[in-house]
Amino acid sequence: MITIRRAAERGHANHGWLDTWHSFSFDSYYDPAHLQFGPLRVLNEDFVAPGAGFPPHPHRDMEIITIVLEGAVAHRDSTGGEGVTRAGDVQVMTAGKGVVHSEYNPSDGERLHLLQIWILPDARGRTPRYDQKAFPAEARRNALLPVVAGSDTNGALRIHQDVTLYASELDAGKSVTHTLAPGRRAYVFVSKGGVAVNGQALGQSDAVAIEGETMLEIRGAAPSEVLLIDLP
């Protein structure tokens, strides 16, 4: 079963400095039909104005993934973790037993465009941890590159859940395939361009939730960037 989630159907809030779209219920947006998908709890697409950002705030018992699409995000947290994550980079944070962090756009003139993904962990009370990594564009061109995983997977960043997040950049007319093991599901999000997933056409910021399928084909209708999350 393939369930399409169009970009315009998502929750939306514009706070001036932050223009944000919610694929799942978040903050003041509540939709009982879109609470979570397996352990995938949050997928927000955020646009952050230059010099603005999220002031220090707490989290706990969540695996938080940040994927920068345009610009850069500066991170600082109570464990001593800090760094600047740029377009093409991926950041992960285990909130675990509790962490306070801030995220802001360090640019004076460039808007920050990012995806914020929250995954429910496999256990509560983990030790907080921060990590980030740059993944070369050529490694994900017309391929599915694992960038976040619950196990050692070709250099992917680690999280505490049996989830693998793949990134791909597709040329028009090129495709990638992915096999889902029995009992697994997938969520595909189009961050740029347009693709067809098992023949279903998706535009930019559209997504599909996939259950009961064994094989996925993602074909670029234009130069595109997609994320595929394989989860229980």
C-alpha atoms as a PDB file:
ATOM      1  CA  MET A   1       0.000   0.000   0.000  1.00  0.00           C
ATOM      2  CA  ILE A   2       1.308   3.405  -0.988  1.00  0.00           C
ATOM      3  CA  THR A   3      -0.226   6.459   0.704  1.00  0.00           C
ATOM      4  CA  ILE A   4       0.685   9.824  -0.811  1.00  0.00           C
ATOM      5  CA  ARG A   5       1.150  12.879   1.408  1.00  0.00           C
ATOM      6  CA  ARG A   6       1.091  16.002  -0.757  1.00  0.00           C
ATOM      7  CA  ALA A   7       3.179  18.981   0.310  1.00  0.00           C
ATOM      8  CA  ALA A   8       0.187  21.312   0.600  1.00  0.00           C
ATOM      9  CA  GLU A   9      -1.655  18.858   2.887  1.00  0.00           C
ATOM     10  CA  ARG A  10       0.920  19.185   5.677  1.00  0.00           C
ATOM     11  CA  GLY A  11       0.575  21.312   8.778  1.00  0.00           C
ATOM     12  CA  HIS A  12       1.996  24.807   8.346  1.00  0.00           C
ATOM     13  CA  ALA A  13       3.050  27.694  10.556  1.00  0.00           C
ATOM     14  CA  ASN A  14       4.858  30.909   9.674  1.00  0.00           C
ATOM     15  CA  HIS A  15       6.481  32.705  12.621  1.00  0.00           C
ATOM     16  CA  GLY A  16       8.281  35.292  10.514  1.00  0.00           C
ATOM     17  CA  TRP A  17      11.794  34.074  11.246  1.00  0.00           C
ATOM     18  CA  LEU A  18      10.631  30.452  10.787  1.00  0.00           C
ATOM     19  CA  ASP A  19       8.437  29.086   8.005  1.00  0.00           C
ATOM     20  CA  THR A  20       7.757  25.444   8.893  1.00  0.00           C
ATOM     21  CA  TRP A  21       5.816  22.517   7.414  1.00  0.00           C
ATOM     22  CA  HIS A  22       4.863  19.458   9.478  1.00  0.00           C
ATOM     23  CA  SER A  23       4.345  16.004   7.961  1.00  0.00           C
ATOM     24  CA  PHE A  24       3.167  14.710  11.359  1.00  0.00           C
ATOM     25  CA  SER A  25       1.379  16.266  14.324  1.00  0.00           C
ATOM     26  CA  PHE A  26       3.722  18.783  15.928  1.00  0.00           C
ATOM     27  CA  ASP A  27       3.384  21.754  18.284  1.00  0.00           C
ATOM     28  CA  SER A  28      -0.032  23.365  17.615  1.00  0.00           C
ATOM     29  CA  TYR A  29      -0.679  21.220  14.529  1.00  0.00           C
ATOM     30  CA  TYR A  30      -2.666  18.096  15.373  1.00  0.00           C
ATOM     31  CA  ASP A  31      -3.982  15.562  12.893  1.00  0.00           C
ATOM     32  CA  PRO A  32      -5.045  12.171  14.320  1.00  0.00           C
ATOM     33  CA  ALA A  33      -4.473  10.609  10.879  1.00  0.00           C
ATOM     34  CA  HIS A  34      -0.826  11.723  10.918  1.00  0.00           C
ATOM     35  CA  LEU A  35       0.589  11.170  14.392  1.00  0.00           C
ATOM     36  CA  GLN A  36       3.625   9.101  13.394  1.00  0.00           C
ATOM     37  CA  PHE A  37       4.689   6.300  11.049  1.00  0.00           C
ATOM     38  CA  GLY A  38       6.251   3.468  13.016  1.00  0.00           C
ATOM     39  CA  PRO A  39       9.079   5.071  15.032  1.00  0.00           C
ATOM     40  CA  LEU A  40       9.140   8.084  12.662  1.00  0.00           C
ATOM     41  CA  ARG A  41       7.589  10.771  14.844  1.00  0.00           C
ATOM     42  CA  VAL A  42       8.507  14.100  13.198  1.00  0.00           C
ATOM     43  CA  LEU A  43       9.482  15.247   9.717  1.00  0.00           C
ATOM     44  CA  ASN A  44       9.522  19.030   9.557  1.00  0.00           C
ATOM     45  CA  GLU A  45      10.677  21.107   6.608  1.00  0.00           C
ATOM     46  CA  ASP A  46      11.997  24.383   8.010  1.00  0.00           C
ATOM     47  CA  PHE A  47      13.025  27.661   6.389  1.00  0.00           C
ATOM     48  CA  VAL A  48      14.981  29.849   8.843  1.00  0.00           C
ATOM     49  CA  ALA A  49      15.711  33.528   8.221  1.00  0.00           C
ATOM     50  CA  PRO A  50      19.319  34.816   8.268  1.00  0.00           C
ATOM     51  CA  GLY A  51      20.650  35.313  11.792  1.00  0.00           C
ATOM     52  CA  ALA A  52      17.634  33.617  13.380  1.00  0.00           C
ATOM     53  CA  GLY A  53      17.160  30.234  14.992  1.00  0.00           C
ATOM     54  CA  PHE A  54      15.945  28.078  17.832  1.00  0.00           C
ATOM     55  CA  PRO A  55      17.170  29.323  21.249  1.00  0.00           C
ATOM     56  CA  PRO A  56      18.348  26.785  23.867  1.00  0.00           C
ATOM     57  CA  HIS A  57      15.555  24.300  24.597  1.00  0.00           C
ATOM     58  CA  PRO A  58      15.365  20.776  26.064  1.00  0.00           C
ATOM     59  CA  HIS A  59      14.717  17.356  24.560  1.00  0.00           C
ATOM     60  CA  ARG A  60      14.766  13.835  25.914  1.00  0.00           C
ATOM     61  CA  ASP A  61      14.359  10.253  24.646  1.00  0.00           C
ATOM     62  CA  MET A  62      14.460  11.079  20.950  1.00  0.00           C
ATOM     63  CA  GLU A  63      16.893  10.533  18.063  1.00  0.00           C
ATOM     64  CA  ILE A  64      17.017  13.872  16.213  1.00  0.00           C
ATOM     65  CA  ILE A  65      18.347  14.062  12.658  1.00  0.00           C
ATOM     66  CA  THR A  66      19.018  17.318  10.809  1.00  0.00           C
ATOM     67  CA  ILE A  67      19.609  17.356   7.049  1.00  0.00           C
ATOM     68  CA  VAL A  68      20.652  20.688   5.585  1.00  0.00           C
ATOM     69  CA  LEU A  69      19.347  21.343   2.076  1.00  0.00           C
ATOM     70  CA  GLU A  70      20.482  24.960   1.648  1.00  0.00           C
ATOM     71  CA  GLY A  71      22.676  27.176   3.815  1.00  0.00           C
ATOM     72  CA  ALA A  72      24.138  26.097   7.138  1.00  0.00           C
ATOM     73  CA  VAL A  73      23.019  25.472  10.719  1.00  0.00           C
ATOM     74  CA  ALA A  74      25.116  26.135  13.830  1.00  0.00           C
ATOM     75  CA  HIS A  75      24.569  23.686  16.703  1.00  0.00           C
ATOM     76  CA  ARG A  76      25.497  23.884  20.387  1.00  0.00           C
ATOM     77  CA  ASP A  77      24.331  21.608  23.208  1.00  0.00           C
ATOM     78  CA  SER A  78      24.760  20.931  26.908  1.00  0.00           C
ATOM     79  CA  THR A  79      27.050  17.920  26.320  1.00  0.00           C
ATOM     80  CA  GLY A  80      29.667  20.202  24.762  1.00  0.00           C
ATOM     81  CA  GLY A  81      28.709  19.196  21.235  1.00  0.00           C
ATOM     82  CA  GLU A  82      28.913  21.963  18.686  1.00  0.00           C
ATOM     83  CA  GLY A  83      29.495  22.430  14.993  1.00  0.00           C
ATOM     84  CA  VAL A  84      28.264  23.923  11.751  1.00  0.00           C
ATOM     85  CA  THR A  85      26.365  21.608   9.407  1.00  0.00           C
ATOM     86  CA  ARG A  86      26.237  22.708   5.768  1.00  0.00           C
ATOM     87  CA  ALA A  87      24.221  21.719   2.709  1.00  0.00           C
ATOM     88  CA  GLY A  88      24.858  18.059   1.963  1.00  0.00           C
ATOM     89  CA  ASP A  89      25.819  17.335   5.571  1.00  0.00           C
ATOM     90  CA  VAL A  90      23.856  15.339   8.139  1.00  0.00           C
ATOM     91  CA  GLN A  91      23.674  15.888  11.902  1.00  0.00           C
ATOM     92  CA  VAL A  92      22.411  13.477  14.566  1.00  0.00           C
ATOM     93  CA  MET A  93      21.718  13.980  18.263  1.00  0.00           C
ATOM     94  CA  THR A  94      20.662  11.418  20.836  1.00  0.00           C
ATOM     95  CA  ALA A  95      18.597  13.367  23.365  1.00  0.00           C
ATOM     96  CA  GLY A  96      18.455  10.361  25.707  1.00  0.00           C
ATOM     97  CA  LYS A  97      18.131  11.189  29.395  1.00  0.00           C
ATOM     98  CA  GLY A  98      18.054  14.901  28.612  1.00  0.00           C
ATOM     99  CA  VAL A  99      19.892  17.553  26.627  1.00  0.00           C
ATOM    100  CA  VAL A 100      19.547  21.278  25.963  1.00  0.00           C
ATOM    101  CA  HIS A 101      20.554  22.570  22.542  1.00  0.00           C
ATOM    102  CA  SER A 102      20.277  25.529  20.202  1.00  0.00           C
ATOM    103  CA  GLU A 103      20.210  25.668  16.397  1.00  0.00           C
ATOM    104  CA  TYR A 104      20.539  28.857  14.390  1.00  0.00           C
ATOM    105  CA  ASN A 105      21.329  30.218  10.949  1.00  0.00           C
ATOM    106  CA  PRO A 106      24.793  31.837  11.161  1.00  0.00           C
ATOM    107  CA  SER A 107      24.482  33.623   7.795  1.00  0.00           C
ATOM    108  CA  ASP A 108      23.793  37.342   7.503  1.00  0.00           C
ATOM    109  CA  GLY A 109      22.075  36.987   4.153  1.00  0.00           C
ATOM    110  CA  GLU A 110      21.314  33.368   3.220  1.00  0.00           C
ATOM    111  CA  ARG A 111      18.138  31.553   4.217  1.00  0.00           C
ATOM    112  CA  LEU A 112      18.550  28.166   5.890  1.00  0.00           C
ATOM    113  CA  HIS A 113      16.497  25.263   4.495  1.00  0.00           C
ATOM    114  CA  LEU A 114      16.586  22.016   6.455  1.00  0.00           C
ATOM    115  CA  LEU A 115      14.717  18.857   7.343  1.00  0.00           C
ATOM    116  CA  GLN A 116      14.269  17.969  11.002  1.00  0.00           C
ATOM    117  CA  ILE A 117      13.515  14.285  11.575  1.00  0.00           C
ATOM    118  CA  TRP A 118      12.711  12.716  14.949  1.00  0.00           C
ATOM    119  CA  ILE A 119      12.924   8.966  15.501  1.00  0.00           C
ATOM    120  CA  LEU A 120      11.630   7.287  18.663  1.00  0.00           C
ATOM    121  CA  PRO A 121      14.566   5.400  20.249  1.00  0.00           C
ATOM    122  CA  ASP A 122      14.767   1.698  21.082  1.00  0.00           C
ATOM    123  CA  ALA A 123      15.177   2.469  24.811  1.00  0.00           C
ATOM    124  CA  ARG A 124      14.754   5.377  27.209  1.00  0.00           C
ATOM    125  CA  GLY A 125      17.531   7.072  29.169  1.00  0.00           C
ATOM    126  CA  ARG A 126      20.341   6.789  26.617  1.00  0.00           C
ATOM    127  CA  THR A 127      23.453   8.918  27.098  1.00  0.00           C
ATOM    128  CA  PRO A 128      23.108  12.151  25.091  1.00  0.00           C
ATOM    129  CA  ARG A 129      25.409  12.350  22.072  1.00  0.00           C
ATOM    130  CA  TYR A 130      26.037  14.575  19.061  1.00  0.00           C
ATOM    131  CA  ASP A 131      27.686  13.830  15.718  1.00  0.00           C
ATOM    132  CA  GLN A 132      27.764  15.183  12.182  1.00  0.00           C
ATOM    133  CA  LYS A 133      29.254  14.143   8.865  1.00  0.00           C
ATOM    134  CA  ALA A 134      29.666  15.402   5.314  1.00  0.00           C
ATOM    135  CA  PHE A 135      28.578  12.973   2.601  1.00  0.00           C
ATOM    136  CA  PRO A 136      29.957  13.608  -0.899  1.00  0.00           C
ATOM    137  CA  ALA A 137      27.348  14.254  -3.580  1.00  0.00           C
ATOM    138  CA  GLU A 138      28.956  11.751  -5.960  1.00  0.00           C
ATOM    139  CA  ALA A 139      28.364   8.930  -3.468  1.00  0.00           C
ATOM    140  CA  ARG A 140      24.588   9.422  -3.616  1.00  0.00           C
ATOM    141  CA  ARG A 141      24.263  10.272  -7.296  1.00  0.00           C
ATOM    142  CA  ASN A 142      21.866   7.780  -8.863  1.00  0.00           C
ATOM    143  CA  ALA A 143      22.371   5.578  -5.799  1.00  0.00           C
ATOM    144  CA  LEU A 144      20.837   5.119  -2.360  1.00  0.00           C
ATOM    145  CA  LEU A 145      23.496   6.123   0.168  1.00  0.00           C
ATOM    146  CA  PRO A 146      22.880   5.181   3.829  1.00  0.00           C
ATOM    147  CA  VAL A 147      23.574   8.336   5.874  1.00  0.00           C
ATOM    148  CA  VAL A 148      21.926   7.382   9.189  1.00  0.00           C
ATOM    149  CA  ALA A 149      21.471   3.845  10.534  1.00  0.00           C
ATOM    150  CA  GLY A 150      20.908   1.823  13.668  1.00  0.00           C
ATOM    151  CA  SER A 151      23.972  -0.311  12.921  1.00  0.00           C
ATOM    152  CA  ASP A 152      27.360   0.032  11.248  1.00  0.00           C
ATOM    153  CA  THR A 153      26.358   0.621   7.631  1.00  0.00           C
ATOM    154  CA  ASN A 154      28.999   1.940   5.236  1.00  0.00           C
ATOM    155  CA  GLY A 155      29.966   4.891   7.405  1.00  0.00           C
ATOM    156  CA  ALA A 156      26.429   6.036   8.226  1.00  0.00           C
ATOM    157  CA  LEU A 157      25.862   8.074  11.379  1.00  0.00           C
ATOM    158  CA  ARG A 158      24.506   5.920  14.219  1.00  0.00           C
ATOM    159  CA  ILE A 159      21.172   6.209  16.007  1.00  0.00           C
ATOM    160  CA  HIS A 160      19.492   4.035  18.642  1.00  0.00           C
ATOM    161  CA  GLN A 161      16.754   2.491  16.488  1.00  0.00           C
ATOM    162  CA  ASP A 162      16.465  -0.124  13.743  1.00  0.00           C
ATOM    163  CA  VAL A 163      16.051   2.505  11.055  1.00  0.00           C
ATOM    164  CA  THR A 164      18.135   3.327   7.994  1.00  0.00           C
ATOM    165  CA  LEU A 165      17.890   6.663   6.220  1.00  0.00           C
ATOM    166  CA  TYR A 166      19.126   6.784   2.623  1.00  0.00           C
ATOM    167  CA  ALA A 167      19.845   9.882   0.530  1.00  0.00           C
ATOM    168  CA  SER A 168      19.851   9.966  -3.261  1.00  0.00           C
ATOM    169  CA  GLU A 169      20.360  12.514  -6.024  1.00  0.00           C
ATOM    170  CA  LEU A 170      18.723  11.325  -9.230  1.00  0.00           C
ATOM    171  CA  ASP A 171      19.255  12.502 -12.766  1.00  0.00           C
ATOM    172  CA  ALA A 172      16.151  12.735 -14.946  1.00  0.00           C
ATOM    173  CA  GLY A 173      15.283   9.274 -16.227  1.00  0.00           C
ATOM    174  CA  LYS A 174      17.578   7.463 -13.756  1.00  0.00           C
ATOM    175  CA  SER A 175      16.206   5.179 -11.059  1.00  0.00           C
ATOM    176  CA  VAL A 176      17.177   3.364  -7.882  1.00  0.00           C
ATOM    177  CA  THR A 177      15.532   0.319  -6.309  1.00  0.00           C
ATOM    178  CA  HIS A 178      15.177  -0.780  -2.702  1.00  0.00           C
ATOM    179  CA  THR A 179      14.008  -4.105  -1.300  1.00  0.00           C
ATOM    180  CA  LEU A 180      11.869  -4.066   1.843  1.00  0.00           C
ATOM    181  CA  ALA A 181      12.246  -7.076   4.132  1.00  0.00           C
ATOM    182  CA  PRO A 182       9.034  -8.724   5.404  1.00  0.00           C
ATOM    183  CA  GLY A 183       7.383  -6.561   8.050  1.00  0.00           C
ATOM    184  CA  ARG A 184       9.355  -3.444   7.086  1.00  0.00           C
ATOM    185  CA  ARG A 185       7.883  -0.181   5.855  1.00  0.00           C
ATOM    186  CA  ALA A 186       9.318   2.913   4.176  1.00  0.00           C
ATOM    187  CA  TYR A 187       8.765   6.638   3.998  1.00  0.00           C
ATOM    188  CA  VAL A 188      10.002   8.568   0.961  1.00  0.00           C
ATOM    189  CA  PHE A 189      10.303  12.372   0.928  1.00  0.00           C
ATOM    190  CA  VAL A 190      11.152  14.432  -2.161  1.00  0.00           C
ATOM    191  CA  SER A 191      13.355  17.334  -1.106  1.00  0.00           C
ATOM    192  CA  LYS A 192      13.974  18.609  -4.653  1.00  0.00           C
ATOM    193  CA  GLY A 193      12.562  18.019  -8.117  1.00  0.00           C
ATOM    194  CA  GLY A 194      10.083  15.284  -8.932  1.00  0.00           C
ATOM    195  CA  VAL A 195      10.098  11.479  -8.983  1.00  0.00           C
ATOM    196  CA  ALA A 196       7.844   8.478  -9.460  1.00  0.00           C
ATOM    197  CA  VAL A 197       7.724   5.902  -6.668  1.00  0.00           C
ATOM    198  CA  ASN A 198       6.418   2.599  -8.036  1.00  0.00           C
ATOM    199  CA  GLY A 199       4.757   4.649 -10.747  1.00  0.00           C
ATOM    200  CA  GLN A 200       3.189   7.226  -8.388  1.00  0.00           C
ATOM    201  CA  ALA A 201       4.185  10.783  -9.365  1.00  0.00           C
ATOM    202  CA  LEU A 202       5.536  13.013  -6.594  1.00  0.00           C
ATOM    203  CA  GLY A 203       6.600  16.643  -6.673  1.00  0.00           C
ATOM    204  CA  GLN A 204       8.880  18.650  -4.434  1.00  0.00           C
ATOM    205  CA  SER A 205       8.105  18.190  -0.711  1.00  0.00           C
ATOM    206  CA  ASP A 206       5.604  15.408  -1.458  1.00  0.00           C
ATOM    207  CA  ALA A 207       6.014  12.123   0.404  1.00  0.00           C
ATOM    208  CA  VAL A 208       4.732   8.558   0.409  1.00  0.00           C
ATOM    209  CA  ALA A 209       4.202   6.113   3.268  1.00  0.00           C
ATOM    210  CA  ILE A 210       4.734   2.544   2.061  1.00  0.00           C
ATOM    211  CA  GLU A 211       3.541  -0.673   3.700  1.00  0.00           C
ATOM    212  CA  GLY A 212       3.095  -4.214   2.415  1.00  0.00           C
ATOM    213  CA  GLU A 213       5.397  -3.727  -0.577  1.00  0.00           C
ATOM    214  CA  THR A 214       8.563  -5.734  -1.235  1.00  0.00           C
ATOM    215  CA  MET A 215      10.282  -3.665  -3.932  1.00  0.00           C
ATOM    216  CA  LEU A 216      10.473   0.087  -4.446  1.00  0.00           C
ATOM    217  CA  GLU A 217      11.577   1.875  -7.585  1.00  0.00           C
ATOM    218  CA  ILE A 218      12.267   5.598  -7.401  1.00  0.00           C
ATOM    219  CA  ARG A 219      12.698   7.197 -10.835  1.00  0.00           C
ATOM    220  CA  GLY A 220      13.707  10.789 -11.434  1.00  0.00           C
ATOM    221  CA  ALA A 221      11.263  12.814 -13.522  1.00  0.00           C
ATOM    222  CA  ALA A 222      13.722  15.718 -13.282  1.00  0.00           C
ATOM    223  CA  PRO A 223      17.011  16.273 -11.441  1.00  0.00           C
ATOM    224  CA  SER A 224      15.858  15.343  -7.936  1.00  0.00           C
ATOM    225  CA  GLU A 225      16.880  14.743  -4.347  1.00  0.00           C
ATOM    226  CA  VAL A 226      15.041  12.189  -2.218  1.00  0.00           C
ATOM    227  CA  LEU A 227      15.206  10.585   1.206  1.00  0.00           C
ATOM    228  CA  LEU A 228      14.123   7.016   1.843  1.00  0.00           C
ATOM    229  CA  ILE A 229      13.593   5.879   5.444  1.00  0.00           C
ATOM    230  CA  ASP A 230      13.453   2.102   5.982  1.00  0.00           C
ATOM    231  CA  LEU A 231      11.835   1.348   9.344  1.00  0.00           C
ATOM    232  CA  PRO A 232       9.960  -1.317  11.302  1.00  0.00           C
END
